[in-house]
């Protein structure tokens, strides 16, 4: 699985339908960086390791799915198993203001 494949799985899991298809990928500070049609921001993924409670260590892609096109905001960080494609973690990175207080 490539970094782009990992990002695609993370985007689908986060409900962001558009997929990266043969993007021009370049490396920046350890990240694979690329554009995705319909997304305002550059997208990023990088290979990491995830330690499980069982003592096993899995290779994962840390994928940042970010988009503010159309005035709404979506930002997720996911850990996608680099072998099986399983989503181990998905974290919503958007903070929302509710009644003057920030809520996550």
PDB file of N, CA and C in Angstrom:
ATOM      1  N   UNK A   1       0.847  -1.168   0.000  1.00  0.00           N
ATOM      2  CA  UNK A   1       0.000   0.000   0.000  1.00  0.00           C
ATOM      3  C   UNK A   1       0.899   1.241   0.000  1.00  0.00           C
ATOM      4  N   UNK A   2       0.532   2.213  -0.797  1.00  0.00           N
ATOM      5  CA  UNK A   2       1.292   3.464  -0.857  1.00  0.00           C
ATOM      6  C   UNK A   2       0.711   4.481   0.121  1.00  0.00           C
ATOM      7  N   UNK A   3       1.400   5.590   0.312  1.00  0.00           N
ATOM      8  CA  UNK A   3       0.905   6.675   1.156  1.00  0.00           C
ATOM      9  C   UNK A   3      -0.424   7.205   0.611  1.00  0.00           C
ATOM     10  N   UNK A   4      -0.541   7.306  -0.706  1.00  0.00           N
ATOM     11  CA  UNK A   4      -1.784   7.793  -1.318  1.00  0.00           C
ATOM     12  C   UNK A   4      -2.916   6.799  -1.074  1.00  0.00           C
ATOM     13  N   UNK A   5      -2.628   5.490  -1.164  1.00  0.00           N
ATOM     14  CA  UNK A   5      -3.641   4.472  -0.864  1.00  0.00           C
ATOM     15  C   UNK A   5      -4.116   4.611   0.584  1.00  0.00           C
ATOM     16  N   UNK A   6      -3.178   4.822   1.498  1.00  0.00           N
ATOM     17  CA  UNK A   6      -3.529   5.009   2.902  1.00  0.00           C
ATOM     18  C   UNK A   6      -4.393   6.250   3.091  1.00  0.00           C
ATOM     19  N   UNK A   7      -4.033   7.337   2.408  1.00  0.00           N
ATOM     20  CA  UNK A   7      -4.832   8.564   2.493  1.00  0.00           C
ATOM     21  C   UNK A   7      -6.244   8.317   1.948  1.00  0.00           C
ATOM     22  N   UNK A   8      -6.347   7.609   0.815  1.00  0.00           N
ATOM     23  CA  UNK A   8      -7.662   7.311   0.238  1.00  0.00           C
ATOM     24  C   UNK A   8      -8.543   6.539   1.220  1.00  0.00           C
ATOM     25  N   UNK A   9      -7.976   5.540   1.906  1.00  0.00           N
ATOM     26  CA  UNK A   9      -8.750   4.786   2.897  1.00  0.00           C
ATOM     27  C   UNK A   9      -9.188   5.697   4.038  1.00  0.00           C
ATOM     28  N   UNK A  10      -8.299   6.576   4.496  1.00  0.00           N
ATOM     29  CA  UNK A  10      -8.642   7.510   5.574  1.00  0.00           C
ATOM     30  C   UNK A  10      -9.732   8.476   5.138  1.00  0.00           C
ATOM     31  N   UNK A  11      -9.643   8.989   3.912  1.00  0.00           N
ATOM     32  CA  UNK A  11     -10.639   9.934   3.405  1.00  0.00           C
ATOM     33  C   UNK A  11     -12.007   9.262   3.303  1.00  0.00           C
ATOM     34  N   UNK A  12     -12.053   8.051   2.787  1.00  0.00           N
ATOM     35  CA  UNK A  12     -13.310   7.317   2.674  1.00  0.00           C
ATOM     36  C   UNK A  12     -13.911   7.064   4.056  1.00  0.00           C
ATOM     37  N   UNK A  13     -13.075   6.644   5.011  1.00  0.00           N
ATOM     38  CA  UNK A  13     -13.542   6.383   6.372  1.00  0.00           C
ATOM     39  C   UNK A  13     -14.081   7.646   7.046  1.00  0.00           C
ATOM     40  N   UNK A  14     -13.524   8.804   6.693  1.00  0.00           N
ATOM     41  CA  UNK A  14     -13.954  10.077   7.284  1.00  0.00           C
ATOM     42  C   UNK A  14     -15.143  10.689   6.546  1.00  0.00           C
ATOM     43  N   UNK A  15     -15.646  10.002   5.519  1.00  0.00           N
ATOM     44  CA  UNK A  15     -16.801  10.505   4.776  1.00  0.00           C
ATOM     45  C   UNK A  15     -16.461  11.546   3.734  1.00  0.00           C
ATOM     46  N   UNK A  16     -15.193  11.648   3.384  1.00  0.00           N
ATOM     47  CA  UNK A  16     -14.747  12.573   2.346  1.00  0.00           C
ATOM     48  C   UNK A  16     -14.627  11.764   1.053  1.00  0.00           C
ATOM     49  N   UNK A  17     -15.611  11.868   0.186  1.00  0.00           N
ATOM     50  CA  UNK A  17     -15.796  10.946  -0.927  1.00  0.00           C
ATOM     51  C   UNK A  17     -14.713  11.019  -2.007  1.00  0.00           C
ATOM     52  N   UNK A  18     -14.216  12.207  -2.313  1.00  0.00           N
ATOM     53  CA  UNK A  18     -13.250  12.368  -3.395  1.00  0.00           C
ATOM     54  C   UNK A  18     -12.006  11.527  -3.132  1.00  0.00           C
ATOM     55  N   UNK A  19     -11.432  10.976  -4.180  1.00  0.00           N
ATOM     56  CA  UNK A  19     -10.244  10.139  -4.037  1.00  0.00           C
ATOM     57  C   UNK A  19      -9.090  10.699  -4.850  1.00  0.00           C
ATOM     58  N   UNK A  20      -7.897  10.480  -4.345  1.00  0.00           N
ATOM     59  CA  UNK A  20      -6.691  10.864  -5.066  1.00  0.00           C
ATOM     60  C   UNK A  20      -6.425   9.794  -6.116  1.00  0.00           C
ATOM     61  N   UNK A  21      -6.424  10.186  -7.374  1.00  0.00           N
ATOM     62  CA  UNK A  21      -6.182   9.255  -8.467  1.00  0.00           C
ATOM     63  C   UNK A  21      -4.939   9.707  -9.211  1.00  0.00           C
ATOM     64  N   UNK A  22      -3.880   8.910  -9.120  1.00  0.00           N
ATOM     65  CA  UNK A  22      -2.601   9.207  -9.776  1.00  0.00           C
ATOM     66  C   UNK A  22      -2.124  10.644  -9.543  1.00  0.00           C
ATOM     67  N   UNK A  23      -2.079  11.083  -8.296  1.00  0.00           N
ATOM     68  CA  UNK A  23      -1.609  12.453  -8.058  1.00  0.00           C
ATOM     69  C   UNK A  23      -0.096  12.555  -8.223  1.00  0.00           C
ATOM     70  N   UNK A  24       0.366  13.756  -8.457  1.00  0.00           N
ATOM     71  CA  UNK A  24       1.805  14.028  -8.465  1.00  0.00           C
ATOM     72  C   UNK A  24       2.222  14.160  -7.003  1.00  0.00           C
ATOM     73  N   UNK A  25       3.019  13.231  -6.527  1.00  0.00           N
ATOM     74  CA  UNK A  25       3.404  13.175  -5.119  1.00  0.00           C
ATOM     75  C   UNK A  25       4.838  13.652  -4.984  1.00  0.00           C
ATOM     76  N   UNK A  26       5.062  14.498  -3.990  1.00  0.00           N
ATOM     77  CA  UNK A  26       6.432  14.874  -3.673  1.00  0.00           C
ATOM     78  C   UNK A  26       6.646  14.717  -2.180  1.00  0.00           C
ATOM     79  N   UNK A  27       7.896  14.672  -1.771  1.00  0.00           N
ATOM     80  CA  UNK A  27       8.243  14.466  -0.376  1.00  0.00           C
ATOM     81  C   UNK A  27       8.609  15.794   0.270  1.00  0.00           C
ATOM     82  N   UNK A  28       8.122  16.008   1.502  1.00  0.00           N
ATOM     83  CA  UNK A  28       8.420  17.224   2.243  1.00  0.00           C
ATOM     84  C   UNK A  28       8.496  16.875   3.724  1.00  0.00           C
ATOM     85  N   UNK A  29       9.682  16.968   4.292  1.00  0.00           N
ATOM     86  CA  UNK A  29       9.881  16.712   5.729  1.00  0.00           C
ATOM     87  C   UNK A  29       9.330  15.354   6.168  1.00  0.00           C
ATOM     88  N   UNK A  30       9.517  14.335   5.349  1.00  0.00           N
ATOM     89  CA  UNK A  30       9.066  12.992   5.686  1.00  0.00           C
ATOM     90  C   UNK A  30       7.632  12.672   5.298  1.00  0.00           C
ATOM     91  N   UNK A  31       6.902  13.640   4.782  1.00  0.00           N
ATOM     92  CA  UNK A  31       5.523  13.452   4.346  1.00  0.00           C
ATOM     93  C   UNK A  31       5.466  13.250   2.842  1.00  0.00           C
ATOM     94  N   UNK A  32       4.537  12.422   2.378  1.00  0.00           N
ATOM     95  CA  UNK A  32       4.153  12.390   0.972  1.00  0.00           C
ATOM     96  C   UNK A  32       3.064  13.441   0.831  1.00  0.00           C
ATOM     97  N   UNK A  33       3.258  14.399  -0.071  1.00  0.00           N
ATOM     98  CA  UNK A  33       2.347  15.534  -0.219  1.00  0.00           C
ATOM     99  C   UNK A  33       1.783  15.519  -1.634  1.00  0.00           C
ATOM    100  N   UNK A  34       0.457  15.787  -1.757  1.00  0.00           N
ATOM    101  CA  UNK A  34      -0.181  15.732  -3.072  1.00  0.00           C
ATOM    102  C   UNK A  34      -1.475  16.514  -3.061  1.00  0.00           C
ATOM    103  N   UNK A  35      -1.950  16.870  -4.251  1.00  0.00           N
ATOM    104  CA  UNK A  35      -3.248  17.545  -4.423  1.00  0.00           C
ATOM    105  C   UNK A  35      -4.312  16.518  -4.766  1.00  0.00           C
ATOM    106  N   UNK A  36      -5.539  16.811  -4.313  1.00  0.00           N
ATOM    107  CA  UNK A  36      -6.688  15.965  -4.624  1.00  0.00           C
ATOM    108  C   UNK A  36      -7.773  16.875  -5.180  1.00  0.00           C
ATOM    109  N   UNK A  37      -8.329  16.520  -6.332  1.00  0.00           N
ATOM    110  CA  UNK A  37      -9.407  17.319  -6.925  1.00  0.00           C
ATOM    111  C   UNK A  37     -10.540  17.505  -5.922  1.00  0.00           C
ATOM    112  N   UNK A  38     -11.015  18.749  -5.796  1.00  0.00           N
ATOM    113  CA  UNK A  38     -12.119  19.066  -4.903  1.00  0.00           C
ATOM    114  C   UNK A  38     -11.696  19.445  -3.497  1.00  0.00           C
ATOM    115  N   UNK A  39     -10.418  19.292  -3.161  1.00  0.00           N
ATOM    116  CA  UNK A  39      -9.905  19.648  -1.846  1.00  0.00           C
ATOM    117  C   UNK A  39      -9.075  20.922  -1.966  1.00  0.00           C
ATOM    118  N   UNK A  40      -9.311  21.873  -1.071  1.00  0.00           N
ATOM    119  CA  UNK A  40      -8.629  23.164  -1.136  1.00  0.00           C
ATOM    120  C   UNK A  40      -7.165  23.067  -0.702  1.00  0.00           C
ATOM    121  N   UNK A  41      -6.864  22.177   0.223  1.00  0.00           N
ATOM    122  CA  UNK A  41      -5.510  22.084   0.773  1.00  0.00           C
ATOM    123  C   UNK A  41      -4.734  20.917   0.166  1.00  0.00           C
ATOM    124  N   UNK A  42      -3.401  21.016   0.284  1.00  0.00           N
ATOM    125  CA  UNK A  42      -2.552  19.876  -0.022  1.00  0.00           C
ATOM    126  C   UNK A  42      -2.842  18.788   1.003  1.00  0.00           C
ATOM    127  N   UNK A  43      -2.761  17.534   0.585  1.00  0.00           N
ATOM    128  CA  UNK A  43      -3.000  16.401   1.472  1.00  0.00           C
ATOM    129  C   UNK A  43      -1.669  15.744   1.809  1.00  0.00           C
ATOM    130  N   UNK A  44      -1.611  15.093   2.975  1.00  0.00           N
ATOM    131  CA  UNK A  44      -0.346  14.533   3.457  1.00  0.00           C
ATOM    132  C   UNK A  44      -0.553  13.162   4.090  1.00  0.00           C
ATOM    133  N   UNK A  45       0.466  12.313   3.916  1.00  0.00           N
ATOM    134  CA  UNK A  45       0.495  11.013   4.593  1.00  0.00           C
ATOM    135  C   UNK A  45       1.956  10.631   4.783  1.00  0.00           C
ATOM    136  N   UNK A  46       2.228   9.902   5.884  1.00  0.00           N
ATOM    137  CA  UNK A  46       3.593   9.437   6.126  1.00  0.00           C
ATOM    138  C   UNK A  46       3.554   8.104   6.861  1.00  0.00           C
ATOM    139  N   UNK A  47       4.585   7.311   6.649  1.00  0.00           N
ATOM    140  CA  UNK A  47       4.690   5.998   7.272  1.00  0.00           C
ATOM    141  C   UNK A  47       5.153   6.150   8.715  1.00  0.00           C
ATOM    142  N   UNK A  48       4.460   5.459   9.629  1.00  0.00           N
ATOM    143  CA  UNK A  48       4.775   5.500  11.055  1.00  0.00           C
ATOM    144  C   UNK A  48       4.673   4.079  11.604  1.00  0.00           C
ATOM    145  N   UNK A  49       4.817   3.933  12.901  1.00  0.00           N
ATOM    146  CA  UNK A  49       4.630   2.657  13.580  1.00  0.00           C
ATOM    147  C   UNK A  49       3.616   2.850  14.703  1.00  0.00           C
ATOM    148  N   UNK A  50       2.754   1.856  14.895  1.00  0.00           N
ATOM    149  CA  UNK A  50       1.743   1.902  15.954  1.00  0.00           C
ATOM    150  C   UNK A  50       1.949   0.696  16.865  1.00  0.00           C
ATOM    151  N   UNK A  51       2.236   0.961  18.139  1.00  0.00           N
ATOM    152  CA  UNK A  51       2.379  -0.103  19.132  1.00  0.00           C
ATOM    153  C   UNK A  51       0.996  -0.468  19.669  1.00  0.00           C
ATOM    154  N   UNK A  52       0.676  -1.755  19.641  1.00  0.00           N
ATOM    155  CA  UNK A  52      -0.610  -2.244  20.132  1.00  0.00           C
ATOM    156  C   UNK A  52      -0.448  -2.799  21.547  1.00  0.00           C
ATOM    157  N   UNK A  53      -1.543  -2.848  22.316  1.00  0.00           N
ATOM    158  CA  UNK A  53      -1.464  -3.379  23.681  1.00  0.00           C
ATOM    159  C   UNK A  53      -0.921  -4.810  23.750  1.00  0.00           C
ATOM    160  N   UNK A  54      -1.082  -5.572  22.669  1.00  0.00           N
ATOM    161  CA  UNK A  54      -0.594  -6.957  22.628  1.00  0.00           C
ATOM    162  C   UNK A  54       0.926  -7.037  22.536  1.00  0.00           C
ATOM    163  N   UNK A  55       1.573  -5.908  22.296  1.00  0.00           N
ATOM    164  CA  UNK A  55       3.024  -5.886  22.101  1.00  0.00           C
ATOM    165  C   UNK A  55       3.415  -5.878  20.639  1.00  0.00           C
ATOM    166  N   UNK A  56       2.449  -6.112  19.765  1.00  0.00           N
ATOM    167  CA  UNK A  56       2.698  -6.072  18.321  1.00  0.00           C
ATOM    168  C   UNK A  56       2.887  -4.625  17.872  1.00  0.00           C
ATOM    169  N   UNK A  57       3.720  -4.442  16.873  1.00  0.00           N
ATOM    170  CA  UNK A  57       3.910  -3.120  16.271  1.00  0.00           C
ATOM    171  C   UNK A  57       3.493  -3.214  14.816  1.00  0.00           C
ATOM    172  N   UNK A  58       2.582  -2.330  14.404  1.00  0.00           N
ATOM    173  CA  UNK A  58       2.054  -2.342  13.038  1.00  0.00           C
ATOM    174  C   UNK A  58       2.580  -1.130  12.274  1.00  0.00           C
ATOM    175  N   UNK A  59       2.938  -1.329  10.985  1.00  0.00           N
ATOM    176  CA  UNK A  59       3.250  -0.174  10.142  1.00  0.00           C
ATOM    177  C   UNK A  59       1.936   0.502   9.759  1.00  0.00           C
ATOM    178  N   UNK A  60       1.866   1.800   9.917  1.00  0.00           N
ATOM    179  CA  UNK A  60       0.644   2.550   9.599  1.00  0.00           C
ATOM    180  C   UNK A  60       1.002   3.807   8.820  1.00  0.00           C
ATOM    181  N   UNK A  61       0.034   4.282   8.057  1.00  0.00           N
ATOM    182  CA  UNK A  61       0.152   5.610   7.459  1.00  0.00           C
ATOM    183  C   UNK A  61      -0.613   6.584   8.329  1.00  0.00           C
ATOM    184  N   UNK A  62       0.062   7.632   8.752  1.00  0.00           N
ATOM    185  CA  UNK A  62      -0.601   8.757   9.400  1.00  0.00           C
ATOM    186  C   UNK A  62      -1.079   9.641   8.258  1.00  0.00           C
ATOM    187  N   UNK A  63      -2.382   9.730   8.096  1.00  0.00           N
ATOM    188  CA  UNK A  63      -2.964  10.461   6.966  1.00  0.00           C
ATOM    189  C   UNK A  63      -3.748  11.659   7.471  1.00  0.00           C
ATOM    190  N   UNK A  64      -3.441  12.825   6.934  1.00  0.00           N
ATOM    191  CA  UNK A  64      -4.187  14.037   7.252  1.00  0.00           C
ATOM    192  C   UNK A  64      -5.117  14.348   6.088  1.00  0.00           C
ATOM    193  N   UNK A  65      -6.413  14.304   6.346  1.00  0.00           N
ATOM    194  CA  UNK A  65      -7.445  14.601   5.360  1.00  0.00           C
ATOM    195  C   UNK A  65      -8.012  15.962   5.743  1.00  0.00           C
ATOM    196  N   UNK A  66      -7.710  16.977   4.946  1.00  0.00           N
ATOM    197  CA  UNK A  66      -8.060  18.360   5.290  1.00  0.00           C
ATOM    198  C   UNK A  66      -8.728  19.022   4.098  1.00  0.00           C
ATOM    199  N   UNK A  67      -9.863  19.715   4.365  1.00  0.00           N
ATOM    200  CA  UNK A  67     -10.540  20.419   3.288  1.00  0.00           C
ATOM    201  C   UNK A  67     -11.397  21.554   3.847  1.00  0.00           C
ATOM    202  N   UNK A  68     -11.225  22.731   3.259  1.00  0.00           N
ATOM    203  CA  UNK A  68     -12.079  23.865   3.632  1.00  0.00           C
ATOM    204  C   UNK A  68     -12.780  24.443   2.407  1.00  0.00           C
ATOM    205  N   UNK A  69     -12.862  23.656   1.335  1.00  0.00           N
ATOM    206  CA  UNK A  69     -13.544  24.122   0.123  1.00  0.00           C
ATOM    207  C   UNK A  69     -15.026  24.319   0.411  1.00  0.00           C
ATOM    208  N   UNK A  70     -15.608  25.352  -0.149  1.00  0.00           N
ATOM    209  CA  UNK A  70     -17.036  25.599  -0.004  1.00  0.00           C
ATOM    210  C   UNK A  70     -17.446  26.194   1.329  1.00  0.00           C
ATOM    211  N   UNK A  71     -16.490  26.647   2.133  1.00  0.00           N
ATOM    212  CA  UNK A  71     -16.810  27.331   3.375  1.00  0.00           C
ATOM    213  C   UNK A  71     -17.010  26.442   4.584  1.00  0.00           C
ATOM    214  N   UNK A  72     -16.995  25.128   4.416  1.00  0.00           N
ATOM    215  CA  UNK A  72     -17.078  24.250   5.579  1.00  0.00           C
ATOM    216  C   UNK A  72     -15.694  23.657   5.837  1.00  0.00           C
ATOM    217  N   UNK A  73     -15.482  23.199   7.048  1.00  0.00           N
ATOM    218  CA  UNK A  73     -14.162  22.689   7.407  1.00  0.00           C
ATOM    219  C   UNK A  73     -14.239  21.204   7.752  1.00  0.00           C
ATOM    220  N   UNK A  74     -13.303  20.457   7.221  1.00  0.00           N
ATOM    221  CA  UNK A  74     -13.124  19.056   7.579  1.00  0.00           C
ATOM    222  C   UNK A  74     -11.632  18.832   7.778  1.00  0.00           C
ATOM    223  N   UNK A  75     -11.257  18.198   8.878  1.00  0.00           N
ATOM    224  CA  UNK A  75      -9.855  17.893   9.140  1.00  0.00           C
ATOM    225  C   UNK A  75      -9.792  16.662  10.037  1.00  0.00           C
ATOM    226  N   UNK A  76      -9.193  15.613   9.528  1.00  0.00           N
ATOM    227  CA  UNK A  76      -9.061  14.360  10.266  1.00  0.00           C
ATOM    228  C   UNK A  76      -7.627  13.870  10.183  1.00  0.00           C
ATOM    229  N   UNK A  77      -7.155  13.283  11.263  1.00  0.00           N
ATOM    230  CA  UNK A  77      -5.901  12.556  11.261  1.00  0.00           C
ATOM    231  C   UNK A  77      -6.246  11.107  11.553  1.00  0.00           C
ATOM    232  N   UNK A  78      -5.817  10.223  10.669  1.00  0.00           N
ATOM    233  CA  UNK A  78      -6.110   8.796  10.814  1.00  0.00           C
ATOM    234  C   UNK A  78      -4.829   7.987  10.774  1.00  0.00           C
ATOM    235  N   UNK A  79      -4.848   6.845  11.456  1.00  0.00           N
ATOM    236  CA  UNK A  79      -3.770   5.871  11.374  1.00  0.00           C
ATOM    237  C   UNK A  79      -4.331   4.662  10.646  1.00  0.00           C
ATOM    238  N   UNK A  80      -3.786   4.412   9.455  1.00  0.00           N
ATOM    239  CA  UNK A  80      -4.279   3.361   8.560  1.00  0.00           C
ATOM    240  C   UNK A  80      -3.217   2.269   8.454  1.00  0.00           C
ATOM    241  N   UNK A  81      -3.593   1.045   8.759  1.00  0.00           N
ATOM    242  CA  UNK A  81      -2.655  -0.074   8.679  1.00  0.00           C
ATOM    243  C   UNK A  81      -2.087  -0.159   7.263  1.00  0.00           C
ATOM    244  N   UNK A  82      -0.782  -0.129   7.144  1.00  0.00           N
ATOM    245  CA  UNK A  82      -0.122  -0.090   5.833  1.00  0.00           C
ATOM    246  C   UNK A  82      -0.157  -1.431   5.120  1.00  0.00           C
ATOM    247  N   UNK A  83      -0.571  -2.481   5.807  1.00  0.00           N
ATOM    248  CA  UNK A  83      -0.659  -3.801   5.180  1.00  0.00           C
ATOM    249  C   UNK A  83      -2.117  -4.181   4.914  1.00  0.00           C
ATOM    250  N   UNK A  84      -2.961  -4.097   5.941  1.00  0.00           N
ATOM    251  CA  UNK A  84      -4.350  -4.549   5.808  1.00  0.00           C
ATOM    252  C   UNK A  84      -5.315  -3.447   5.380  1.00  0.00           C
ATOM    253  N   UNK A  85      -4.949  -2.175   5.603  1.00  0.00           N
ATOM    254  CA  UNK A  85      -5.850  -1.069   5.306  1.00  0.00           C
ATOM    255  C   UNK A  85      -6.822  -0.757   6.434  1.00  0.00           C
ATOM    256  N   UNK A  86      -6.719  -1.480   7.543  1.00  0.00           N
ATOM    257  CA  UNK A  86      -7.603  -1.242   8.696  1.00  0.00           C
ATOM    258  C   UNK A  86      -7.354   0.159   9.259  1.00  0.00           C
ATOM    259  N   UNK A  87      -8.433   0.839   9.617  1.00  0.00           N
ATOM    260  CA  UNK A  87      -8.329   2.134  10.278  1.00  0.00           C
ATOM    261  C   UNK A  87      -8.205   1.863  11.773  1.00  0.00           C
ATOM    262  N   UNK A  88      -7.064   2.201  12.355  1.00  0.00           N
ATOM    263  CA  UNK A  88      -6.858   1.992  13.790  1.00  0.00           C
ATOM    264  C   UNK A  88      -7.367   3.183  14.597  1.00  0.00           C
ATOM    265  N   UNK A  89      -7.165   4.391  14.068  1.00  0.00           N
ATOM    266  CA  UNK A  89      -7.533   5.616  14.791  1.00  0.00           C
ATOM    267  C   UNK A  89      -8.027   6.643  13.785  1.00  0.00           C
ATOM    268  N   UNK A  90      -9.080   7.379  14.148  1.00  0.00           N
ATOM    269  CA  UNK A  90      -9.488   8.566  13.384  1.00  0.00           C
ATOM    270  C   UNK A  90      -9.809   9.653  14.397  1.00  0.00           C
ATOM    271  N   UNK A  91      -9.145  10.795  14.251  1.00  0.00           N
ATOM    272  CA  UNK A  91      -9.347  11.915  15.174  1.00  0.00           C
ATOM    273  C   UNK A  91      -9.815  13.135  14.393  1.00  0.00           C
ATOM    274  N   UNK A  92     -10.955  13.691  14.805  1.00  0.00           N
ATOM    275  CA  UNK A  92     -11.462  14.913  14.192  1.00  0.00           C
ATOM    276  C   UNK A  92     -10.646  16.083  14.735  1.00  0.00           C
ATOM    277  N   UNK A  93      -9.997  16.835  13.848  1.00  0.00           N
ATOM    278  CA  UNK A  93      -9.126  17.933  14.260  1.00  0.00           C
ATOM    279  C   UNK A  93      -9.822  19.287  14.241  1.00  0.00           C
ATOM    280  N   UNK A  94     -11.107  19.329  13.904  1.00  0.00           N
ATOM    281  CA  UNK A  94     -11.824  20.606  13.814  1.00  0.00           C
ATOM    282  C   UNK A  94     -12.368  20.979  15.184  1.00  0.00           C
ATOM    283  N   UNK A  95     -12.059  22.193  15.615  1.00  0.00           N
ATOM    284  CA  UNK A  95     -12.652  22.752  16.827  1.00  0.00           C
ATOM    285  C   UNK A  95     -13.829  23.618  16.411  1.00  0.00           C
ATOM    286  N   UNK A  96     -14.949  23.479  17.098  1.00  0.00           N
ATOM    287  CA  UNK A  96     -16.140  24.253  16.790  1.00  0.00           C
ATOM    288  C   UNK A  96     -16.453  25.190  17.951  1.00  0.00           C
ATOM    289  N   UNK A  97     -16.920  26.388  17.632  1.00  0.00           N
ATOM    290  CA  UNK A  97     -17.344  27.344  18.639  1.00  0.00           C
ATOM    291  C   UNK A  97     -18.835  27.132  18.924  1.00  0.00           C
ATOM    292  N   UNK A  98     -19.157  26.831  20.171  1.00  0.00           N
ATOM    293  CA  UNK A  98     -20.539  26.621  20.577  1.00  0.00           C
ATOM    294  C   UNK A  98     -20.810  27.542  21.755  1.00  0.00           C
ATOM    295  N   UNK A  99     -21.700  28.536  21.578  1.00  0.00           N
ATOM    296  CA  UNK A  99     -22.041  29.433  22.666  1.00  0.00           C
ATOM    297  C   UNK A  99     -20.858  30.223  23.202  1.00  0.00           C
ATOM    298  N   UNK A 100     -19.882  30.515  22.325  1.00  0.00           N
ATOM    299  CA  UNK A 100     -18.714  31.294  22.748  1.00  0.00           C
ATOM    300  C   UNK A 100     -17.604  30.463  23.338  1.00  0.00           C
ATOM    301  N   UNK A 101     -17.816  29.142  23.487  1.00  0.00           N
ATOM    302  CA  UNK A 101     -16.786  28.265  24.025  1.00  0.00           C
ATOM    303  C   UNK A 101     -16.343  27.283  22.955  1.00  0.00           C
ATOM    304  N   UNK A 102     -15.058  27.011  22.906  1.00  0.00           N
ATOM    305  CA  UNK A 102     -14.551  26.057  21.933  1.00  0.00           C
ATOM    306  C   UNK A 102     -14.912  24.647  22.375  1.00  0.00           C
ATOM    307  N   UNK A 103     -15.414  23.860  21.441  1.00  0.00           N
ATOM    308  CA  UNK A 103     -15.748  22.458  21.720  1.00  0.00           C
ATOM    309  C   UNK A 103     -15.142  21.598  20.630  1.00  0.00           C
ATOM    310  N   UNK A 104     -14.680  20.418  20.983  1.00  0.00           N
ATOM    311  CA  UNK A 104     -14.105  19.495  19.996  1.00  0.00           C
ATOM    312  C   UNK A 104     -15.084  18.410  19.665  1.00  0.00           C
TER     313      UNK A 104
END
